[in-house]
């Protein structure tokens, strides 16, 4: 059968969908979107359980205008995460070593091949990794003013750049002691957005009314 198969369309996702799910005030959402579009890189910081990961994914959906999971990549940093995992490095292959591309490198290539669409790279626990080691020379190239400019990577003679249509969303807990590891070099390349409990948002109030449980309301008042 030579009939062409139509691609599956992604569900539409709007600003209203975001506000109904994330429990954030409209003004805060507009500020968040503006910060991300201007800086290209943003870190959502807040207490554990405030919904940073949930927000990050839906923020990407709302900017794209649809739930296109193909244009979102989510990873988590940890103390053993390295430049070789993130960008490029030699990995064991049989009895020898082979140069392999990292997850961020591959995602940048994919975004470069589709310049008319936005891509979102989400990093959970961004403060737990050795950021200077992981990003390497790309710590400069993720800046908005350097997007699209080519650089020679440590393991390759070929030119590489971070595309203008790729946005980086990091997340970190303000209760984490490793916050001190976020140095100035990284801080000036990201905008920081404080995520607070959304008990006063219209979406959460509507959720409370839908639940209609007195015990639930008492728990919220105690928190």
N, C-alpha and C. Protein backbone atom coordinates (compact mmCIF):
# COMPACT_ATOMS: atom_id res chain seq x y z
N UNK A 1 0.85 -1.19 0.00
CA UNK A 1 0.00 0.00 0.00
C UNK A 1 0.89 1.24 0.00
N UNK A 2 0.79 2.04 -1.09
CA UNK A 2 1.63 3.23 -1.22
C UNK A 2 0.94 4.50 -0.77
N UNK A 3 -0.21 4.38 -0.14
CA UNK A 3 -0.94 5.56 0.31
C UNK A 3 -0.16 6.27 1.41
N UNK A 4 -0.12 7.60 1.34
CA UNK A 4 0.58 8.38 2.35
C UNK A 4 -0.24 8.42 3.63
N UNK A 5 0.48 8.27 4.74
CA UNK A 5 -0.17 8.32 6.05
C UNK A 5 -0.03 9.72 6.61
N UNK A 6 -1.14 10.35 6.93
CA UNK A 6 -1.10 11.71 7.46
C UNK A 6 -0.52 11.70 8.87
N UNK A 7 0.35 12.68 9.18
CA UNK A 7 0.93 12.74 10.53
C UNK A 7 -0.14 13.02 11.57
N UNK A 8 0.03 12.44 12.74
CA UNK A 8 -0.92 12.64 13.83
C UNK A 8 -0.76 14.04 14.39
N UNK A 9 -1.82 14.82 14.39
CA UNK A 9 -1.76 16.19 14.89
C UNK A 9 -1.78 16.20 16.42
N UNK A 10 -1.06 17.16 17.00
CA UNK A 10 -0.99 17.27 18.44
C UNK A 10 -2.16 18.12 18.95
N UNK A 11 -2.67 17.81 20.15
CA UNK A 11 -3.77 18.59 20.71
C UNK A 11 -3.38 20.05 20.93
N UNK A 12 -4.30 20.95 20.68
CA UNK A 12 -4.06 22.38 20.89
C UNK A 12 -3.90 22.64 22.39
N UNK A 13 -2.96 23.53 22.73
CA UNK A 13 -2.74 23.89 24.14
C UNK A 13 -2.50 25.39 24.21
N UNK A 14 -3.37 26.09 24.93
CA UNK A 14 -3.35 27.55 24.98
C UNK A 14 -2.98 28.08 26.36
N UNK A 15 -2.90 29.39 26.45
CA UNK A 15 -2.67 30.08 27.72
C UNK A 15 -3.74 29.71 28.73
N UNK A 16 -4.97 29.60 28.26
CA UNK A 16 -6.08 29.25 29.15
C UNK A 16 -5.92 27.82 29.68
N UNK A 17 -5.46 26.91 28.85
CA UNK A 17 -5.21 25.54 29.31
C UNK A 17 -4.15 25.53 30.41
N UNK A 18 -3.10 26.32 30.21
CA UNK A 18 -2.03 26.41 31.22
C UNK A 18 -2.58 26.89 32.55
N UNK A 19 -3.32 27.98 32.53
CA UNK A 19 -3.83 28.59 33.76
C UNK A 19 -4.84 27.70 34.47
N UNK A 20 -5.51 26.84 33.73
CA UNK A 20 -6.49 25.94 34.35
C UNK A 20 -5.81 24.75 35.02
N UNK A 21 -4.56 24.46 34.63
CA UNK A 21 -3.87 23.29 35.16
C UNK A 21 -2.77 23.62 36.17
N UNK A 22 -2.07 24.73 35.96
CA UNK A 22 -0.88 25.01 36.76
C UNK A 22 -1.16 25.82 38.01
N UNK A 23 -2.30 26.46 38.10
CA UNK A 23 -2.66 27.27 39.27
C UNK A 23 -1.68 28.42 39.47
N UNK A 24 -1.51 29.21 38.42
CA UNK A 24 -0.67 30.40 38.45
C UNK A 24 -1.50 31.58 38.01
N UNK A 25 -1.29 32.73 38.63
CA UNK A 25 -2.03 33.92 38.25
C UNK A 25 -1.65 34.36 36.84
N UNK A 26 -2.59 34.91 36.08
CA UNK A 26 -2.32 35.31 34.69
C UNK A 26 -1.12 36.24 34.54
N UNK A 27 -0.97 37.20 35.46
CA UNK A 27 0.15 38.15 35.37
C UNK A 27 1.48 37.42 35.54
N UNK A 28 1.53 36.45 36.43
CA UNK A 28 2.75 35.69 36.66
C UNK A 28 3.09 34.85 35.43
N UNK A 29 2.08 34.28 34.81
CA UNK A 29 2.30 33.50 33.58
C UNK A 29 2.87 34.38 32.47
N UNK A 30 2.27 35.55 32.27
CA UNK A 30 2.73 36.46 31.23
C UNK A 30 4.17 36.89 31.47
N UNK A 31 4.51 37.13 32.74
CA UNK A 31 5.88 37.50 33.10
C UNK A 31 6.85 36.36 32.81
N UNK A 32 6.43 35.14 33.13
CA UNK A 32 7.26 33.96 32.90
C UNK A 32 7.55 33.75 31.42
N UNK A 33 6.52 33.87 30.59
CA UNK A 33 6.69 33.71 29.15
C UNK A 33 7.60 34.79 28.58
N UNK A 34 7.42 36.01 29.04
CA UNK A 34 8.24 37.12 28.54
C UNK A 34 9.71 36.93 28.92
N UNK A 35 9.97 36.49 30.16
CA UNK A 35 11.34 36.25 30.61
C UNK A 35 12.01 35.19 29.76
N UNK A 36 11.30 34.10 29.49
CA UNK A 36 11.87 33.00 28.72
C UNK A 36 12.16 33.42 27.29
N UNK A 37 11.24 34.16 26.68
CA UNK A 37 11.43 34.58 25.29
C UNK A 37 12.58 35.58 25.16
N UNK A 38 12.76 36.44 26.17
CA UNK A 38 13.82 37.44 26.11
C UNK A 38 15.19 36.82 26.39
N UNK A 39 15.27 35.99 27.42
CA UNK A 39 16.56 35.46 27.87
C UNK A 39 16.94 34.15 27.20
N UNK A 40 15.96 33.39 26.75
CA UNK A 40 16.15 32.07 26.14
C UNK A 40 16.39 30.97 27.18
N UNK A 41 16.86 31.35 28.36
CA UNK A 41 17.16 30.38 29.42
C UNK A 41 16.52 30.86 30.72
N UNK A 42 15.84 29.96 31.42
CA UNK A 42 15.19 30.35 32.67
C UNK A 42 15.29 29.21 33.67
N UNK A 43 15.33 29.57 34.95
CA UNK A 43 15.32 28.57 36.02
C UNK A 43 14.11 28.82 36.91
N UNK A 44 13.29 27.78 37.06
CA UNK A 44 12.15 27.83 37.97
C UNK A 44 12.64 27.38 39.34
N UNK A 45 12.57 28.25 40.32
CA UNK A 45 13.04 27.90 41.66
C UNK A 45 11.90 28.03 42.66
N UNK A 46 11.90 27.11 43.62
CA UNK A 46 10.83 27.13 44.62
C UNK A 46 10.93 25.94 45.54
N UNK A 47 10.02 25.91 46.49
CA UNK A 47 10.01 24.82 47.48
C UNK A 47 9.65 23.49 46.81
N UNK A 48 10.10 22.37 47.39
CA UNK A 48 9.74 21.05 46.85
C UNK A 48 8.22 20.87 46.81
N UNK A 49 7.73 20.32 45.73
CA UNK A 49 6.30 20.04 45.61
C UNK A 49 5.46 21.18 45.11
N UNK A 50 6.08 22.29 44.71
CA UNK A 50 5.30 23.44 44.27
C UNK A 50 4.87 23.30 42.81
N UNK A 51 5.40 22.30 42.11
CA UNK A 51 4.94 22.02 40.76
C UNK A 51 5.84 22.54 39.66
N UNK A 52 7.14 22.56 39.89
CA UNK A 52 8.07 23.12 38.90
C UNK A 52 8.12 22.28 37.62
N UNK A 53 8.23 20.97 37.76
CA UNK A 53 8.29 20.10 36.58
C UNK A 53 6.98 20.15 35.81
N UNK A 54 5.89 20.08 36.52
CA UNK A 54 4.56 20.17 35.91
C UNK A 54 4.41 21.46 35.14
N UNK A 55 4.89 22.57 35.74
CA UNK A 55 4.80 23.87 35.10
C UNK A 55 5.69 23.96 33.87
N UNK A 56 6.91 23.42 33.96
CA UNK A 56 7.88 23.53 32.86
C UNK A 56 7.34 22.91 31.58
N UNK A 57 6.78 21.72 31.68
CA UNK A 57 6.26 21.04 30.50
C UNK A 57 5.10 21.80 29.89
N UNK A 58 4.20 22.28 30.72
CA UNK A 58 3.03 22.99 30.20
C UNK A 58 3.35 24.40 29.74
N UNK A 59 4.40 24.97 30.28
CA UNK A 59 4.88 26.25 29.76
C UNK A 59 5.34 26.08 28.32
N UNK A 60 6.07 24.99 28.07
CA UNK A 60 6.52 24.70 26.71
C UNK A 60 5.33 24.48 25.78
N UNK A 61 4.35 23.70 26.24
CA UNK A 61 3.16 23.44 25.42
C UNK A 61 2.45 24.75 25.06
N UNK A 62 2.31 25.64 26.05
CA UNK A 62 1.54 26.87 25.83
C UNK A 62 2.24 27.80 24.84
N UNK A 63 3.57 27.81 24.84
CA UNK A 63 4.31 28.64 23.90
C UNK A 63 4.24 28.04 22.50
N UNK A 64 4.32 26.70 22.43
CA UNK A 64 4.19 26.02 21.14
C UNK A 64 2.77 26.14 20.59
N UNK A 65 1.80 26.21 21.49
CA UNK A 65 0.40 26.25 21.08
C UNK A 65 -0.22 24.89 20.93
N UNK A 66 0.55 23.85 21.26
CA UNK A 66 0.03 22.48 21.20
C UNK A 66 0.93 21.55 22.00
N UNK A 67 0.40 20.38 22.30
CA UNK A 67 1.15 19.38 23.07
C UNK A 67 1.99 18.52 22.12
N UNK A 68 3.11 19.06 21.72
CA UNK A 68 4.01 18.34 20.81
C UNK A 68 5.21 17.85 21.63
N UNK A 69 5.14 16.63 22.13
CA UNK A 69 6.19 16.10 23.00
C UNK A 69 7.49 15.84 22.24
N UNK A 70 7.44 15.80 20.92
CA UNK A 70 8.64 15.57 20.12
C UNK A 70 9.61 16.74 20.23
N UNK A 71 9.11 17.91 20.58
CA UNK A 71 9.96 19.10 20.65
C UNK A 71 10.34 19.46 22.08
N UNK A 72 10.16 18.51 22.99
CA UNK A 72 10.56 18.70 24.39
C UNK A 72 11.46 17.55 24.81
N UNK A 73 12.57 17.88 25.45
CA UNK A 73 13.49 16.87 25.98
C UNK A 73 13.72 17.18 27.44
N UNK A 74 13.51 16.19 28.31
CA UNK A 74 13.68 16.38 29.75
C UNK A 74 14.74 15.45 30.29
N UNK A 75 15.70 16.01 31.03
CA UNK A 75 16.74 15.21 31.68
C UNK A 75 16.88 15.68 33.12
N UNK A 76 17.67 14.96 33.89
CA UNK A 76 17.93 15.36 35.28
C UNK A 76 19.43 15.33 35.53
N UNK A 77 19.95 16.42 36.08
CA UNK A 77 21.37 16.47 36.42
C UNK A 77 21.63 15.75 37.74
N UNK A 78 22.83 15.22 37.90
CA UNK A 78 23.28 14.62 39.16
C UNK A 78 24.78 14.78 39.23
N UNK A 79 25.38 14.37 40.32
CA UNK A 79 26.80 14.64 40.56
C UNK A 79 27.71 13.92 39.58
N UNK A 80 27.25 12.84 38.99
CA UNK A 80 28.08 12.08 38.05
C UNK A 80 27.85 12.47 36.59
N UNK A 81 26.93 13.39 36.37
CA UNK A 81 26.62 13.80 34.99
C UNK A 81 27.80 14.58 34.43
N UNK A 82 28.16 14.33 33.17
CA UNK A 82 29.38 14.91 32.62
C UNK A 82 29.16 15.56 31.24
N UNK A 83 30.19 16.25 30.78
CA UNK A 83 30.21 16.84 29.45
C UNK A 83 30.02 15.77 28.38
N UNK A 84 30.62 14.60 28.60
CA UNK A 84 30.51 13.50 27.65
C UNK A 84 29.08 13.00 27.52
N UNK A 85 28.30 13.07 28.59
CA UNK A 85 26.89 12.69 28.54
C UNK A 85 26.05 13.77 27.87
N UNK A 86 26.44 15.02 28.09
CA UNK A 86 25.62 16.16 27.69
C UNK A 86 25.93 16.62 26.27
N UNK A 87 27.21 16.75 25.94
CA UNK A 87 27.61 17.29 24.64
C UNK A 87 28.19 16.21 23.73
N UNK A 88 29.35 15.69 24.09
CA UNK A 88 30.04 14.74 23.23
C UNK A 88 31.22 14.13 23.98
N UNK A 89 31.49 12.84 23.71
CA UNK A 89 32.63 12.21 24.35
C UNK A 89 32.83 10.78 23.88
N UNK A 90 33.95 10.22 24.28
CA UNK A 90 34.25 8.84 23.90
C UNK A 90 33.62 7.87 24.89
N UNK A 91 32.92 6.88 24.33
CA UNK A 91 32.24 5.86 25.13
C UNK A 91 32.75 4.47 24.72
N UNK A 92 32.77 3.52 25.67
CA UNK A 92 33.20 2.16 25.32
C UNK A 92 32.35 1.55 24.22
N UNK A 93 33.01 0.92 23.25
CA UNK A 93 32.33 0.24 22.15
C UNK A 93 33.13 -1.00 21.78
N UNK A 94 32.73 -2.14 22.36
CA UNK A 94 33.49 -3.38 22.14
C UNK A 94 34.83 -3.30 22.84
N UNK A 95 35.90 -3.50 22.09
CA UNK A 95 37.24 -3.46 22.66
C UNK A 95 37.89 -2.08 22.55
N UNK A 96 37.15 -1.10 22.05
CA UNK A 96 37.71 0.23 21.88
C UNK A 96 36.73 1.29 22.36
N UNK A 97 37.01 2.53 21.99
CA UNK A 97 36.13 3.63 22.35
C UNK A 97 35.64 4.33 21.08
N UNK A 98 34.41 4.82 21.15
CA UNK A 98 33.80 5.47 20.00
C UNK A 98 33.27 6.84 20.41
N UNK A 99 33.47 7.84 19.54
CA UNK A 99 32.97 9.17 19.82
C UNK A 99 31.45 9.21 19.63
N UNK A 100 30.74 9.59 20.67
CA UNK A 100 29.27 9.62 20.62
C UNK A 100 28.76 11.01 21.00
N UNK A 101 27.68 11.39 20.36
CA UNK A 101 27.05 12.67 20.65
C UNK A 101 26.19 12.57 21.90
N UNK A 102 26.18 13.64 22.69
CA UNK A 102 25.37 13.68 23.89
C UNK A 102 23.95 14.14 23.62
N UNK A 103 23.12 14.11 24.65
CA UNK A 103 21.70 14.39 24.51
C UNK A 103 21.43 15.84 24.10
N UNK A 104 22.19 16.78 24.64
CA UNK A 104 21.97 18.19 24.29
C UNK A 104 22.45 18.48 22.87
N UNK A 105 23.56 17.86 22.47
CA UNK A 105 24.09 18.02 21.12
C UNK A 105 23.04 17.56 20.10
N UNK A 106 22.49 16.37 20.31
CA UNK A 106 21.51 15.83 19.37
C UNK A 106 20.25 16.70 19.30
N UNK A 107 19.84 17.24 20.46
CA UNK A 107 18.63 18.06 20.49
C UNK A 107 18.86 19.38 19.76
N UNK A 108 20.06 19.93 19.89
CA UNK A 108 20.40 21.16 19.17
C UNK A 108 20.38 20.94 17.66
N UNK A 109 20.89 19.80 17.22
CA UNK A 109 20.88 19.48 15.79
C UNK A 109 19.45 19.37 15.28
N UNK A 110 18.60 18.72 16.07
CA UNK A 110 17.20 18.56 15.67
C UNK A 110 16.51 19.92 15.58
N UNK A 111 16.77 20.80 16.56
CA UNK A 111 16.17 22.13 16.53
C UNK A 111 16.70 22.95 15.35
N UNK A 112 17.98 22.79 15.03
CA UNK A 112 18.58 23.52 13.90
C UNK A 112 17.96 23.11 12.58
N UNK A 113 17.56 21.86 12.49
CA UNK A 113 16.95 21.35 11.27
C UNK A 113 15.50 21.79 11.10
N UNK A 114 14.92 22.37 12.15
CA UNK A 114 13.54 22.85 12.10
C UNK A 114 13.47 24.27 12.67
N UNK A 115 14.08 25.23 12.00
CA UNK A 115 14.22 26.59 12.55
C UNK A 115 12.91 27.35 12.75
N UNK A 116 11.84 26.90 12.14
CA UNK A 116 10.56 27.61 12.27
C UNK A 116 9.71 27.12 13.44
N UNK A 117 10.23 26.16 14.21
CA UNK A 117 9.51 25.62 15.35
C UNK A 117 10.35 25.77 16.62
N UNK A 118 9.69 26.02 17.75
CA UNK A 118 10.38 26.17 19.03
C UNK A 118 10.63 24.81 19.67
N UNK A 119 11.81 24.68 20.29
CA UNK A 119 12.19 23.47 21.01
C UNK A 119 12.54 23.82 22.45
N UNK A 120 12.27 22.88 23.36
CA UNK A 120 12.44 23.15 24.78
C UNK A 120 13.24 22.03 25.45
N UNK A 121 14.36 22.42 26.05
CA UNK A 121 15.22 21.47 26.75
C UNK A 121 15.05 21.72 28.25
N UNK A 122 14.47 20.75 28.95
CA UNK A 122 14.14 20.90 30.37
C UNK A 122 15.14 20.13 31.23
N UNK A 123 15.73 20.82 32.22
CA UNK A 123 16.74 20.21 33.09
C UNK A 123 16.24 20.23 34.52
N UNK A 124 15.90 19.08 35.05
CA UNK A 124 15.49 18.97 36.45
C UNK A 124 16.74 18.90 37.33
N UNK A 125 16.63 19.46 38.55
CA UNK A 125 17.75 19.46 39.51
C UNK A 125 19.02 20.05 38.87
N UNK A 126 18.86 21.16 38.19
CA UNK A 126 19.99 21.74 37.46
C UNK A 126 21.16 22.11 38.37
N UNK A 127 20.88 22.41 39.62
CA UNK A 127 21.94 22.81 40.54
C UNK A 127 22.72 21.63 41.13
N UNK A 128 22.31 20.40 40.84
CA UNK A 128 22.99 19.24 41.41
C UNK A 128 24.18 18.79 40.56
N UNK A 129 24.27 19.29 39.34
CA UNK A 129 25.39 18.92 38.48
C UNK A 129 26.52 19.92 38.57
N UNK A 130 27.70 19.52 38.14
CA UNK A 130 28.84 20.43 38.03
C UNK A 130 28.66 21.18 36.71
N UNK A 131 28.05 22.35 36.78
CA UNK A 131 27.58 23.03 35.58
C UNK A 131 28.70 23.47 34.64
N UNK A 132 29.79 23.94 35.19
CA UNK A 132 30.92 24.33 34.34
C UNK A 132 31.48 23.13 33.60
N UNK A 133 31.50 22.00 34.26
CA UNK A 133 32.01 20.76 33.65
C UNK A 133 31.03 20.23 32.60
N UNK A 134 29.76 20.28 32.89
CA UNK A 134 28.75 19.72 31.99
C UNK A 134 28.60 20.57 30.72
N UNK A 135 28.48 21.88 30.88
CA UNK A 135 28.28 22.76 29.72
C UNK A 135 29.57 23.02 28.96
N UNK A 136 30.70 23.04 29.66
CA UNK A 136 31.97 23.31 28.99
C UNK A 136 31.95 24.62 28.25
N UNK A 137 32.45 24.62 26.99
CA UNK A 137 32.50 25.85 26.20
C UNK A 137 31.12 26.36 25.81
N UNK A 138 30.08 25.51 25.96
CA UNK A 138 28.73 25.95 25.59
C UNK A 138 28.08 26.83 26.65
N UNK A 139 28.76 27.01 27.78
CA UNK A 139 28.23 27.91 28.80
C UNK A 139 28.10 29.33 28.23
N UNK A 140 28.99 29.67 27.32
CA UNK A 140 28.91 30.96 26.65
C UNK A 140 27.90 30.93 25.51
N UNK A 141 27.83 29.80 24.81
CA UNK A 141 27.02 29.72 23.59
C UNK A 141 25.52 29.66 23.86
N UNK A 142 25.11 29.41 25.10
CA UNK A 142 23.68 29.39 25.39
C UNK A 142 23.12 30.79 25.60
N UNK A 143 24.01 31.78 25.75
CA UNK A 143 23.54 33.16 25.89
C UNK A 143 22.80 33.59 24.64
N UNK A 144 21.81 34.45 24.82
CA UNK A 144 20.99 34.90 23.69
C UNK A 144 21.84 35.56 22.61
N UNK A 145 22.80 36.39 23.00
CA UNK A 145 23.60 37.13 22.04
C UNK A 145 24.54 36.24 21.24
N UNK A 146 24.78 35.01 21.73
CA UNK A 146 25.69 34.10 21.04
C UNK A 146 24.97 32.98 20.31
N UNK A 147 23.65 32.98 20.38
CA UNK A 147 22.89 31.94 19.69
C UNK A 147 23.14 32.02 18.18
N UNK A 148 23.37 30.88 17.57
CA UNK A 148 23.59 30.82 16.14
C UNK A 148 25.04 30.97 15.72
N UNK A 149 25.91 31.40 16.65
CA UNK A 149 27.33 31.56 16.34
C UNK A 149 28.05 30.23 16.54
N UNK A 150 28.89 29.87 15.60
CA UNK A 150 29.55 28.57 15.64
C UNK A 150 30.80 28.59 16.52
N UNK A 151 31.06 27.43 17.12
CA UNK A 151 32.22 27.23 17.96
C UNK A 151 32.75 25.83 17.70
N UNK A 152 34.04 25.63 17.86
CA UNK A 152 34.62 24.31 17.70
C UNK A 152 34.61 23.59 19.05
N UNK A 153 34.03 22.42 19.08
CA UNK A 153 33.91 21.66 20.33
C UNK A 153 35.21 20.96 20.67
N UNK A 154 35.33 20.58 21.95
CA UNK A 154 36.56 19.97 22.44
C UNK A 154 36.88 18.64 21.75
N UNK A 155 35.85 17.86 21.38
CA UNK A 155 36.06 16.54 20.80
C UNK A 155 35.86 16.52 19.28
N UNK A 156 35.60 17.67 18.68
CA UNK A 156 35.28 17.67 17.25
C UNK A 156 35.87 18.89 16.57
N UNK A 157 36.27 18.72 15.31
CA UNK A 157 36.79 19.83 14.51
C UNK A 157 35.68 20.54 13.75
N UNK A 158 34.47 20.01 13.85
CA UNK A 158 33.35 20.60 13.14
C UNK A 158 32.73 21.73 13.95
N UNK A 159 32.18 22.73 13.22
CA UNK A 159 31.51 23.85 13.89
C UNK A 159 30.19 23.42 14.50
N UNK A 160 29.84 24.05 15.62
CA UNK A 160 28.58 23.72 16.31
C UNK A 160 28.02 25.00 16.92
N UNK A 161 26.69 25.10 16.95
CA UNK A 161 26.06 26.26 17.57
C UNK A 161 24.79 25.85 18.30
N UNK A 162 24.37 26.67 19.24
CA UNK A 162 23.09 26.47 19.92
C UNK A 162 22.06 27.32 19.17
N UNK A 163 21.04 26.71 18.58
CA UNK A 163 20.10 27.45 17.73
C UNK A 163 19.23 28.43 18.51
N UNK A 164 18.77 29.44 17.79
CA UNK A 164 17.97 30.51 18.39
C UNK A 164 16.58 30.02 18.81
N UNK A 165 16.11 28.94 18.22
CA UNK A 165 14.76 28.45 18.51
C UNK A 165 14.73 27.40 19.61
N UNK A 166 15.83 27.28 20.37
CA UNK A 166 15.89 26.32 21.48
C UNK A 166 15.88 27.08 22.80
N UNK A 167 14.96 26.71 23.67
CA UNK A 167 14.84 27.33 24.99
C UNK A 167 15.23 26.32 26.06
N UNK A 168 15.94 26.81 27.08
CA UNK A 168 16.36 25.95 28.19
C UNK A 168 15.59 26.33 29.44
N UNK A 169 14.92 25.34 30.05
CA UNK A 169 14.18 25.56 31.29
C UNK A 169 14.80 24.67 32.36
N UNK A 170 15.40 25.28 33.37
CA UNK A 170 15.97 24.54 34.48
C UNK A 170 15.07 24.61 35.70
N UNK A 171 15.23 23.67 36.61
CA UNK A 171 14.45 23.66 37.84
C UNK A 171 15.35 23.35 39.02
N UNK A 172 15.10 24.02 40.15
CA UNK A 172 15.86 23.69 41.36
C UNK A 172 15.06 24.06 42.60
N UNK A 173 15.29 23.28 43.65
CA UNK A 173 14.61 23.48 44.92
C UNK A 173 15.37 24.49 45.77
N UNK A 174 14.67 25.49 46.28
CA UNK A 174 15.31 26.49 47.13
C UNK A 174 15.68 25.92 48.49
N UNK A 175 15.16 24.74 48.83
CA UNK A 175 15.52 24.11 50.09
C UNK A 175 16.80 23.27 49.99
N UNK A 176 17.36 23.21 48.79
CA UNK A 176 18.54 22.37 48.54
C UNK A 176 19.82 23.10 48.94
N UNK A 177 20.68 22.42 49.68
CA UNK A 177 21.93 23.03 50.14
C UNK A 177 22.91 23.27 48.99
N UNK A 178 22.73 22.58 47.87
CA UNK A 178 23.67 22.71 46.76
C UNK A 178 23.41 23.97 45.93
N UNK A 179 22.51 24.84 46.37
CA UNK A 179 22.26 26.09 45.67
C UNK A 179 23.51 26.95 45.61
N UNK A 180 24.40 26.79 46.60
CA UNK A 180 25.62 27.59 46.63
C UNK A 180 26.52 27.28 45.44
N UNK A 181 26.28 26.15 44.76
CA UNK A 181 27.10 25.76 43.63
C UNK A 181 26.75 26.54 42.36
N UNK A 182 25.64 27.26 42.38
CA UNK A 182 25.25 28.05 41.22
C UNK A 182 26.08 29.34 41.21
N UNK A 183 27.12 29.37 40.41
CA UNK A 183 28.01 30.53 40.41
C UNK A 183 27.46 31.66 39.54
N UNK A 184 28.14 32.79 39.61
CA UNK A 184 27.68 33.98 38.91
C UNK A 184 27.67 33.78 37.40
N UNK A 185 28.64 33.02 36.89
CA UNK A 185 28.74 32.80 35.45
C UNK A 185 27.46 32.18 34.90
N UNK A 186 26.85 31.28 35.69
CA UNK A 186 25.60 30.67 35.25
C UNK A 186 24.41 31.58 35.54
N UNK A 187 24.45 32.23 36.67
CA UNK A 187 23.31 33.06 37.07
C UNK A 187 23.03 34.16 36.07
N UNK A 188 24.07 34.74 35.48
CA UNK A 188 23.84 35.84 34.55
C UNK A 188 23.37 35.36 33.19
N UNK A 189 23.41 34.05 32.94
CA UNK A 189 22.94 33.51 31.67
C UNK A 189 21.49 33.02 31.75
N UNK A 190 20.94 33.00 32.95
CA UNK A 190 19.56 32.56 33.16
C UNK A 190 18.75 33.64 33.85
N UNK A 191 17.47 33.70 33.54
CA UNK A 191 16.52 34.44 34.37
C UNK A 191 16.01 33.48 35.43
N UNK A 192 15.75 33.99 36.62
CA UNK A 192 15.25 33.17 37.71
C UNK A 192 13.81 33.58 38.03
N UNK A 193 12.96 32.58 38.13
CA UNK A 193 11.54 32.84 38.39
C UNK A 193 11.13 32.07 39.64
N UNK A 194 10.63 32.80 40.64
CA UNK A 194 10.21 32.18 41.90
C UNK A 194 8.81 31.59 41.75
N UNK A 195 8.72 30.29 41.96
CA UNK A 195 7.42 29.63 41.93
C UNK A 195 6.89 29.48 43.35
N UNK A 196 5.70 30.01 43.56
CA UNK A 196 5.09 29.98 44.88
C UNK A 196 3.81 29.14 44.85
N UNK A 197 3.40 28.62 46.01
CA UNK A 197 2.15 27.85 46.05
C UNK A 197 1.00 28.66 45.47
N UNK A 198 0.18 28.02 44.64
CA UNK A 198 -0.88 28.72 43.93
C UNK A 198 -2.23 28.68 44.61
N UNK A 199 -2.23 28.73 45.95
CA UNK A 199 -3.50 28.63 46.67
C UNK A 199 -4.45 29.78 46.34
N UNK A 200 -3.90 30.95 45.98
CA UNK A 200 -4.75 32.11 45.71
C UNK A 200 -5.15 32.25 44.25
N UNK A 201 -4.70 31.35 43.39
CA UNK A 201 -5.03 31.45 41.97
C UNK A 201 -6.47 31.04 41.70
N UNK A 202 -7.02 31.55 40.61
CA UNK A 202 -8.41 31.24 40.25
C UNK A 202 -8.57 29.75 39.97
N UNK A 203 -7.56 29.15 39.34
CA UNK A 203 -7.64 27.73 39.02
C UNK A 203 -7.72 26.86 40.26
N UNK A 204 -6.93 27.18 41.28
CA UNK A 204 -6.95 26.38 42.50
C UNK A 204 -8.25 26.61 43.29
N UNK A 205 -8.73 27.83 43.29
CA UNK A 205 -10.00 28.11 43.96
C UNK A 205 -11.14 27.31 43.32
N UNK A 206 -11.10 27.22 41.99
CA UNK A 206 -12.11 26.44 41.28
C UNK A 206 -11.98 24.96 41.62
N UNK A 207 -10.75 24.50 41.79
CA UNK A 207 -10.51 23.10 42.17
C UNK A 207 -11.05 22.82 43.57
N UNK A 208 -10.84 23.75 44.50
CA UNK A 208 -11.35 23.59 45.86
C UNK A 208 -12.87 23.51 45.86
N UNK A 209 -13.51 24.35 45.07
CA UNK A 209 -14.97 24.35 45.00
C UNK A 209 -15.48 23.04 44.41
N UNK A 210 -14.74 22.52 43.42
CA UNK A 210 -15.14 21.25 42.79
C UNK A 210 -15.01 20.09 43.76
N UNK A 211 -13.96 20.12 44.58
CA UNK A 211 -13.76 19.06 45.58
C UNK A 211 -14.81 19.15 46.67
N UNK A 212 -15.03 20.36 47.18
CA UNK A 212 -16.07 20.58 48.19
C UNK A 212 -15.89 19.76 49.44
N UNK A 213 -14.66 19.70 49.95
CA UNK A 213 -14.36 18.89 51.13
C UNK A 213 -13.84 19.79 52.25
N UNK A 214 -14.48 19.76 53.42
CA UNK A 214 -14.09 20.63 54.53
C UNK A 214 -12.69 20.30 55.05
N UNK A 215 -12.37 19.00 55.10
CA UNK A 215 -11.05 18.61 55.59
C UNK A 215 -9.96 19.13 54.65
N UNK A 216 -10.23 19.07 53.37
CA UNK A 216 -9.28 19.57 52.38
C UNK A 216 -9.06 21.07 52.58
N UNK A 217 -10.13 21.80 52.80
CA UNK A 217 -10.02 23.24 53.01
C UNK A 217 -9.26 23.57 54.29
N UNK A 218 -9.42 22.75 55.33
CA UNK A 218 -8.68 22.97 56.57
C UNK A 218 -7.18 22.73 56.38
N UNK A 219 -6.85 21.71 55.59
CA UNK A 219 -5.43 21.44 55.30
C UNK A 219 -4.81 22.63 54.58
N UNK A 220 -5.53 23.18 53.62
CA UNK A 220 -5.02 24.32 52.85
C UNK A 220 -4.81 25.52 53.77
N UNK A 221 -5.73 25.76 54.69
CA UNK A 221 -5.59 26.89 55.62
C UNK A 221 -4.39 26.70 56.53
N UNK A 222 -4.14 25.47 56.98
CA UNK A 222 -2.98 25.19 57.82
C UNK A 222 -1.67 25.41 57.07
N UNK A 223 -1.62 24.99 55.81
CA UNK A 223 -0.42 25.17 54.99
C UNK A 223 -0.17 26.65 54.74
